[in-house]
Protein backbone atom coordinates (compact mmCIF):
# COMPACT_ATOMS: atom_id res chain seq x y z
CA MET A 1 26.84 7.59 12.71
CA SER A 2 24.31 10.09 11.26
CA VAL A 3 20.62 9.27 11.02
CA ASP A 4 20.91 9.04 7.23
CA ALA A 5 23.89 6.68 7.34
CA GLU A 6 22.26 4.55 10.03
CA LEU A 7 19.06 4.21 7.99
CA ALA A 8 21.04 3.32 4.88
CA THR A 9 22.41 0.14 6.50
CA ARG A 10 19.07 -1.22 7.75
CA ASP A 11 16.99 -4.02 6.31
CA VAL A 12 13.83 -2.57 4.74
CA VAL A 13 10.12 -3.43 4.72
CA LEU A 14 8.01 -1.27 2.38
CA VAL A 15 4.25 -1.93 2.49
CA THR A 16 1.46 -0.39 0.43
CA LEU A 17 -2.14 -0.59 1.60
CA ASP A 18 -3.88 -0.47 -1.74
CA SER A 19 -6.72 2.10 -2.02
CA CYS A 20 -6.64 2.89 1.71
CA ARG A 21 -8.25 6.23 2.55
CA TYR A 22 -6.62 8.43 5.16
CA ASP A 23 -9.87 8.83 7.10
CA THR A 24 -10.27 5.04 7.20
CA ALA A 25 -6.88 4.75 8.90
CA ARG A 26 -7.61 7.64 11.26
CA THR A 27 -10.69 5.85 12.67
CA ALA A 28 -9.31 2.29 12.79
CA ASP A 29 -7.75 0.37 15.71
CA LEU A 30 -4.18 -0.27 14.51
CA PRO A 31 -1.80 -1.27 17.32
CA ALA A 32 0.92 -2.71 15.07
CA LEU A 33 1.06 0.28 12.75
CA SER A 34 0.84 2.70 15.66
CA SER A 35 3.93 1.06 17.15
CA LEU A 36 5.95 2.40 14.20
CA GLY A 37 5.16 6.01 15.00
CA PRO A 38 2.41 8.56 14.49
CA LEU A 39 -0.07 8.32 11.63
CA GLN A 40 0.92 10.96 9.08
CA ARG A 41 -1.44 12.53 6.56
CA ALA A 42 0.28 12.34 3.17
CA GLU A 43 -0.37 13.13 -0.48
CA SER A 44 0.26 10.45 -3.09
CA PRO A 45 1.93 11.24 -6.42
CA GLY A 46 -0.48 8.84 -8.17
CA THR A 47 -4.24 8.30 -8.37
CA PHE A 48 -4.14 4.56 -9.04
CA THR A 49 -1.84 1.62 -8.44
CA LEU A 50 0.48 1.85 -11.46
CA PRO A 51 1.66 5.49 -11.31
CA ALA A 52 1.69 5.55 -7.51
CA HIS A 53 4.01 2.55 -7.31
CA ALA A 54 6.15 3.69 -10.25
CA ALA A 55 6.82 6.87 -8.26
CA MET A 56 7.45 5.04 -4.98
CA PHE A 57 9.87 2.62 -6.58
CA THR A 58 12.00 5.61 -7.62
CA GLY A 59 11.92 7.03 -4.09
CA PHE A 60 8.93 9.35 -4.34
CA LEU A 61 6.75 8.22 -1.45
CA PRO A 62 3.51 9.95 -0.50
CA ARG A 63 4.66 13.24 1.01
CA PRO A 64 3.34 14.30 4.44
CA THR A 65 1.22 17.42 4.21
CA GLU A 66 3.37 18.89 7.00
CA GLY A 67 6.38 18.55 4.69
CA CYS A 68 8.62 16.24 6.72
CA VAL A 69 8.66 12.49 7.28
CA GLU A 70 8.96 11.45 10.92
CA VAL A 71 11.13 8.37 11.55
CA ALA A 72 11.94 7.33 15.12
CA GLY A 73 11.44 10.88 16.35
CA LYS A 74 13.63 12.40 13.62
CA ARG A 75 12.21 14.64 10.90
CA LEU A 76 13.51 14.13 7.36
CA GLY A 77 12.58 15.77 4.08
CA SER A 78 12.33 12.30 2.55
CA ILE A 79 13.39 8.75 3.34
CA TRP A 80 14.93 8.07 -0.08
CA ARG A 81 16.38 10.62 -2.49
CA SER A 82 17.07 9.77 -6.11
CA ALA A 83 20.19 11.46 -7.44
CA ALA A 84 18.04 12.46 -10.43
CA ALA A 85 15.68 14.49 -8.24
CA ARG A 86 16.07 18.15 -7.39
CA GLY A 87 17.42 18.38 -3.87
CA ARG A 88 16.03 20.69 -1.23
CA PRO A 89 17.73 21.99 1.92
CA GLY A 90 17.24 19.59 4.81
CA ASP A 91 16.00 16.71 2.67
CA GLY A 92 18.21 14.16 4.40
CA GLY A 93 17.31 10.54 3.80
CA ILE A 94 19.05 7.78 1.88
CA SER A 95 20.54 8.99 -1.40
CA PHE A 96 20.73 6.50 -4.26
CA ARG A 97 21.91 6.60 -7.88
CA ALA A 98 20.25 3.47 -9.29
CA PRO A 99 17.10 3.56 -11.48
CA THR A 100 14.92 2.13 -8.67
CA LEU A 101 15.07 1.37 -4.97
CA MET A 102 15.18 -2.31 -5.84
CA ASP A 103 18.22 -1.81 -8.08
CA HIS A 104 19.89 0.24 -5.36
CA TYR A 105 19.44 -2.39 -2.67
CA ALA A 106 20.36 -5.25 -5.00
CA ASP A 107 23.58 -3.39 -5.86
CA GLN A 108 24.29 -3.17 -2.10
CA GLY A 109 24.03 -6.96 -1.79
CA TYR A 110 20.52 -7.13 -0.32
CA ARG A 111 18.09 -9.90 -1.16
CA VAL A 112 15.27 -8.01 -2.91
CA LEU A 113 11.83 -9.58 -2.67
CA GLY A 114 8.40 -8.35 -3.73
CA ALA A 115 4.90 -9.69 -3.15
CA GLY A 116 1.55 -8.40 -4.34
CA GLY A 117 -2.12 -9.08 -4.89
CA VAL A 118 -3.55 -6.30 -7.10
CA THR A 119 -3.65 -7.26 -10.79
CA PHE A 120 -1.03 -4.67 -11.83
CA PHE A 121 1.39 -7.00 -10.03
CA ASP A 122 0.42 -10.18 -11.91
CA PRO A 123 3.73 -11.19 -13.51
CA THR A 124 2.01 -13.46 -16.06
CA HIS A 125 0.50 -10.47 -17.88
CA PRO A 126 2.91 -9.11 -20.52
CA CYS A 127 1.84 -5.48 -19.93
CA ASN A 128 2.68 -5.47 -16.22
CA SER A 129 6.05 -3.83 -15.62
CA LEU A 130 5.91 -3.46 -11.82
CA PRO A 131 6.79 -7.07 -10.89
CA THR A 132 9.63 -7.13 -13.42
CA ARG A 133 11.48 -4.63 -11.23
CA PHE A 134 12.16 -7.37 -8.67
CA PRO A 135 14.65 -10.26 -8.84
CA GLU A 136 12.04 -12.28 -6.88
CA PHE A 137 8.31 -11.61 -6.95
CA ARG A 138 5.37 -13.57 -5.54
CA TYR A 139 1.84 -12.89 -6.71
CA PHE A 140 -1.23 -14.14 -4.85
CA GLY A 141 -4.15 -12.31 -6.53
CA ARG A 142 -6.56 -13.13 -9.31
CA VAL A 143 -5.31 -13.46 -12.88
CA ALA A 144 -5.10 -10.01 -14.46
CA ALA A 145 -6.97 -11.04 -17.61
CA SER A 146 -9.82 -12.81 -15.75
CA PRO A 147 -13.45 -11.63 -16.23
CA ALA A 148 -13.88 -8.10 -14.98
CA ASP A 149 -17.67 -7.75 -14.72
CA ALA A 150 -18.97 -6.50 -11.38
CA ALA A 151 -20.44 -9.81 -10.18
CA ALA A 152 -17.21 -11.73 -10.89
CA ARG A 153 -15.14 -9.24 -8.89
CA VAL A 154 -17.31 -9.27 -5.76
CA VAL A 155 -15.87 -12.27 -3.90
CA ASP A 156 -14.69 -13.23 -0.44
CA ARG A 157 -10.88 -13.40 -0.23
CA ASP A 158 -8.46 -15.24 2.03
CA THR A 159 -5.37 -16.94 0.53
CA SER A 160 -5.43 -14.55 -2.44
CA LEU A 161 -4.50 -11.78 0.01
CA THR A 162 -0.76 -11.15 0.27
CA LEU A 163 -0.81 -10.80 4.06
CA ALA A 164 -2.20 -14.31 4.42
CA HIS A 165 1.39 -15.37 3.63
CA VAL A 166 3.40 -13.30 6.12
CA ASP A 167 5.08 -16.33 7.69
CA GLU A 168 6.43 -17.41 4.31
CA LEU A 169 7.60 -13.89 3.51
CA ALA A 170 9.24 -13.48 6.92
CA GLN A 171 11.16 -16.72 6.58
CA THR A 172 12.39 -15.73 3.12
CA CYS A 173 13.65 -12.42 4.51
CA LEU A 174 15.38 -14.08 7.44
CA GLN A 175 17.29 -16.42 5.15
CA ALA A 176 19.15 -13.40 3.77
CA GLU A 177 22.03 -11.53 5.36
CA ARG A 178 20.26 -8.30 4.38
CA PHE A 179 16.85 -7.83 2.78
CA PHE A 180 14.54 -5.35 1.07
CA CYS A 181 10.96 -6.63 1.16
CA PHE A 182 8.07 -4.92 -0.63
CA ILE A 183 4.48 -5.99 0.08
CA ASN A 184 1.39 -4.76 -1.77
CA CYS A 185 -1.76 -5.41 0.29
CA PRO A 186 -4.98 -5.74 -1.73
CA CYS A 187 -7.35 -6.29 1.21
CA THR A 188 -8.15 -2.56 1.45
CA HIS A 189 -8.90 -2.43 -2.30
CA ILE A 190 -12.45 -2.97 -3.53
CA PRO A 191 -14.24 -5.40 -2.87
CA TYR A 192 -12.98 -4.70 0.70
CA THR A 193 -13.18 -8.35 1.72
CA SER A 194 -10.90 -10.32 4.04
CA PRO A 195 -11.31 -12.96 6.77
CA ALA A 196 -12.44 -10.03 8.96
CA ALA A 197 -14.91 -8.63 6.41
CA VAL A 198 -16.94 -11.31 4.66
CA LEU A 199 -19.72 -10.66 2.20
CA SER A 200 -23.40 -10.64 3.04
CA GLU A 201 -26.15 -10.60 0.45
CA ALA A 202 -26.66 -6.89 1.08
CA THR A 203 -22.99 -5.90 0.85
CA ALA A 204 -22.50 -7.99 -2.30
CA VAL A 205 -25.31 -6.06 -4.01
CA LEU A 206 -23.89 -2.78 -2.75
CA LEU A 207 -20.39 -3.59 -4.02
CA GLU A 208 -21.70 -4.58 -7.44
CA ARG A 209 -23.40 -1.20 -7.62
CA LEU A 210 -20.16 0.56 -6.61
CA TYR A 211 -18.30 -1.21 -9.41
CA ARG A 212 -20.97 -0.16 -11.92
CA LEU A 213 -20.89 3.43 -10.66
CA HIS A 214 -17.12 3.55 -11.09
CA ASP A 215 -17.20 1.93 -14.52
CA ALA A 216 -20.05 4.10 -15.82
CA GLY A 217 -18.62 7.43 -14.70
CA PRO A 218 -20.93 10.47 -14.88
CA SER A 219 -23.16 8.97 -17.59
CA ALA A 220 -26.91 8.61 -17.84
CA ALA A 221 -26.48 4.84 -17.60
CA ALA A 222 -24.94 5.02 -14.12
CA PRO A 223 -26.85 3.31 -11.27
CA ARG A 224 -28.44 5.23 -8.42
CA PRO A 225 -25.75 7.06 -6.39
CA LEU A 226 -24.79 5.79 -2.95
CA ASP A 227 -26.44 7.45 0.00
CA ALA A 228 -24.51 8.36 3.16
CA ALA A 229 -25.40 5.13 4.98
CA GLU A 230 -24.28 2.98 2.03
CA ALA A 231 -20.99 4.87 1.73
CA ALA A 232 -20.45 4.38 5.48
CA THR A 233 -21.07 0.63 5.09
CA LEU A 234 -18.37 0.38 2.42
CA GLN A 235 -15.89 2.42 4.42
CA ASN A 236 -16.53 0.23 7.46
CA MET A 237 -15.67 -2.81 5.33
CA GLN A 238 -12.41 -1.14 4.32
CA ARG A 239 -11.74 -0.32 7.99
CA ARG A 240 -12.21 -3.96 9.05
CA CYS A 241 -9.88 -5.06 6.27
CA LEU A 242 -7.29 -2.54 7.44
CA GLU A 243 -7.54 -3.83 11.00
CA TRP A 244 -7.05 -7.38 9.69
CA ALA A 245 -3.99 -6.13 7.77
CA ASP A 246 -2.68 -4.54 10.97
CA ALA A 247 -2.94 -7.86 12.81
CA ARG A 248 -1.10 -9.66 10.02
CA LEU A 249 1.59 -6.99 9.85
CA GLY A 250 1.96 -7.31 13.61
CA ARG A 251 2.72 -10.99 13.10
CA LEU A 252 5.32 -10.07 10.46
CA PHE A 253 6.88 -7.41 12.69
CA VAL A 254 7.32 -9.86 15.58
CA GLN A 255 9.26 -12.24 13.34
CA LEU A 256 11.49 -9.51 11.89
CA ALA A 257 11.98 -7.31 14.96
CA HIS A 258 15.37 -8.74 15.92
CA ARG A 259 16.70 -7.55 12.55
CA ARG A 260 15.62 -3.98 13.43
CA PRO A 261 14.48 -3.02 9.91
CA LEU A 262 13.30 0.32 8.62
CA VAL A 263 9.55 -0.03 7.98
CA VAL A 264 7.46 2.24 5.77
CA VAL A 265 3.71 1.61 5.39
CA CYS A 266 1.45 3.83 3.28
CA GLY A 267 -1.58 3.95 1.06
CA ASP A 268 -0.84 4.22 -2.65
CA HIS A 269 -4.07 6.15 -3.23
CA GLY A 270 -7.53 6.35 -1.69
CA ASP A 271 -11.06 5.72 -2.95
CA GLU A 272 -14.01 8.02 -3.53
CA PHE A 273 -17.46 6.98 -2.27
CA GLY A 274 -19.50 9.58 -4.13
CA GLU A 275 -17.84 12.77 -2.92
CA ASP A 276 -18.47 15.32 -5.69
CA GLY A 277 -20.39 12.65 -7.61
CA ARG A 278 -17.52 10.29 -8.44
CA TYR A 279 -16.51 6.82 -7.31
CA GLY A 280 -13.37 4.71 -7.00
CA HIS A 281 -10.00 6.11 -7.99
CA GLY A 282 -7.95 7.09 -11.02
CA HIS A 283 -8.88 10.77 -10.83
CA PRO A 284 -7.51 13.66 -8.74
CA HIS A 285 -9.69 14.27 -5.68
CA PRO A 286 -8.62 14.79 -2.05
CA THR A 287 -10.08 11.45 -0.96
CA VAL A 288 -8.03 9.74 -3.70
CA THR A 289 -4.75 11.59 -3.26
CA THR A 290 -4.75 11.79 0.57
CA VAL A 291 -3.35 8.62 2.15
CA PRO A 292 -2.02 7.32 5.49
CA LEU A 293 1.71 7.00 6.15
CA TRP A 294 3.64 5.38 9.01
CA CYS A 295 7.44 5.15 9.27
CA GLY A 296 9.51 3.58 11.97
CA LEU A 297 12.27 1.26 13.09
CA LEU A 298 11.37 -2.14 14.48
CA GLU A 299 13.17 -2.91 17.69
CA ARG A 300 13.66 -6.12 19.64
């Protein structure tokens, strides 16, 4: 059986680490993710959650800057290839003809499940199309239409984080003969809080300022820019959240390993901490478009 054909019959776990910078991943301790294979530097097709995921759901993952995706020691041009896309020699991967990956796997008889925590995935909001792509979707985050001022958004988070529910998600997957499971992880998204990164008075004030800087843009009303030490503090919070996510994903991997799924984990976009005078995401900048990528096959 060819690599492509063998991949096409696997169960699938697709995970997005929302807003995770590549350099955050490069400096973090990530044993579970490292077990999948080498960290790959990749470029996202989107600068914020909605376009990045719209692209991924049609097979356009962040593309490694080296050009090839490495999966279990094999180099592929891409993991999934939409029949609507222009092919390139040596692309390889899993070809599909459905509108989305979820449609493709549902057509193959897989149980297709999604879970998320960033507000673009709130299925109660009529403008959110991403969760409607899934036959089953579970949302754990704040209500999309809730107050959006800086102070209201700077909160500690635990059960509102998708990866707090990995046991439930694993059991749902294991009930199916075959599964495709998508997980959006908001812990690496501002406010960079998790059980491993709780707020202090100082970091709460700093995060409120970051929100105001992002919302104000390059206007005269913007707060004082972050200095290097403040930017490092925020990135360290994101790093601790990523390490917490790694531990939770490790717990998920242990439960699913006997099914030997294909696992893809990546950032959807990064965040800017004042590089070139801008903050957050939603604009093209190397810190926003450069993301981490891991691909691998879980084994018993």
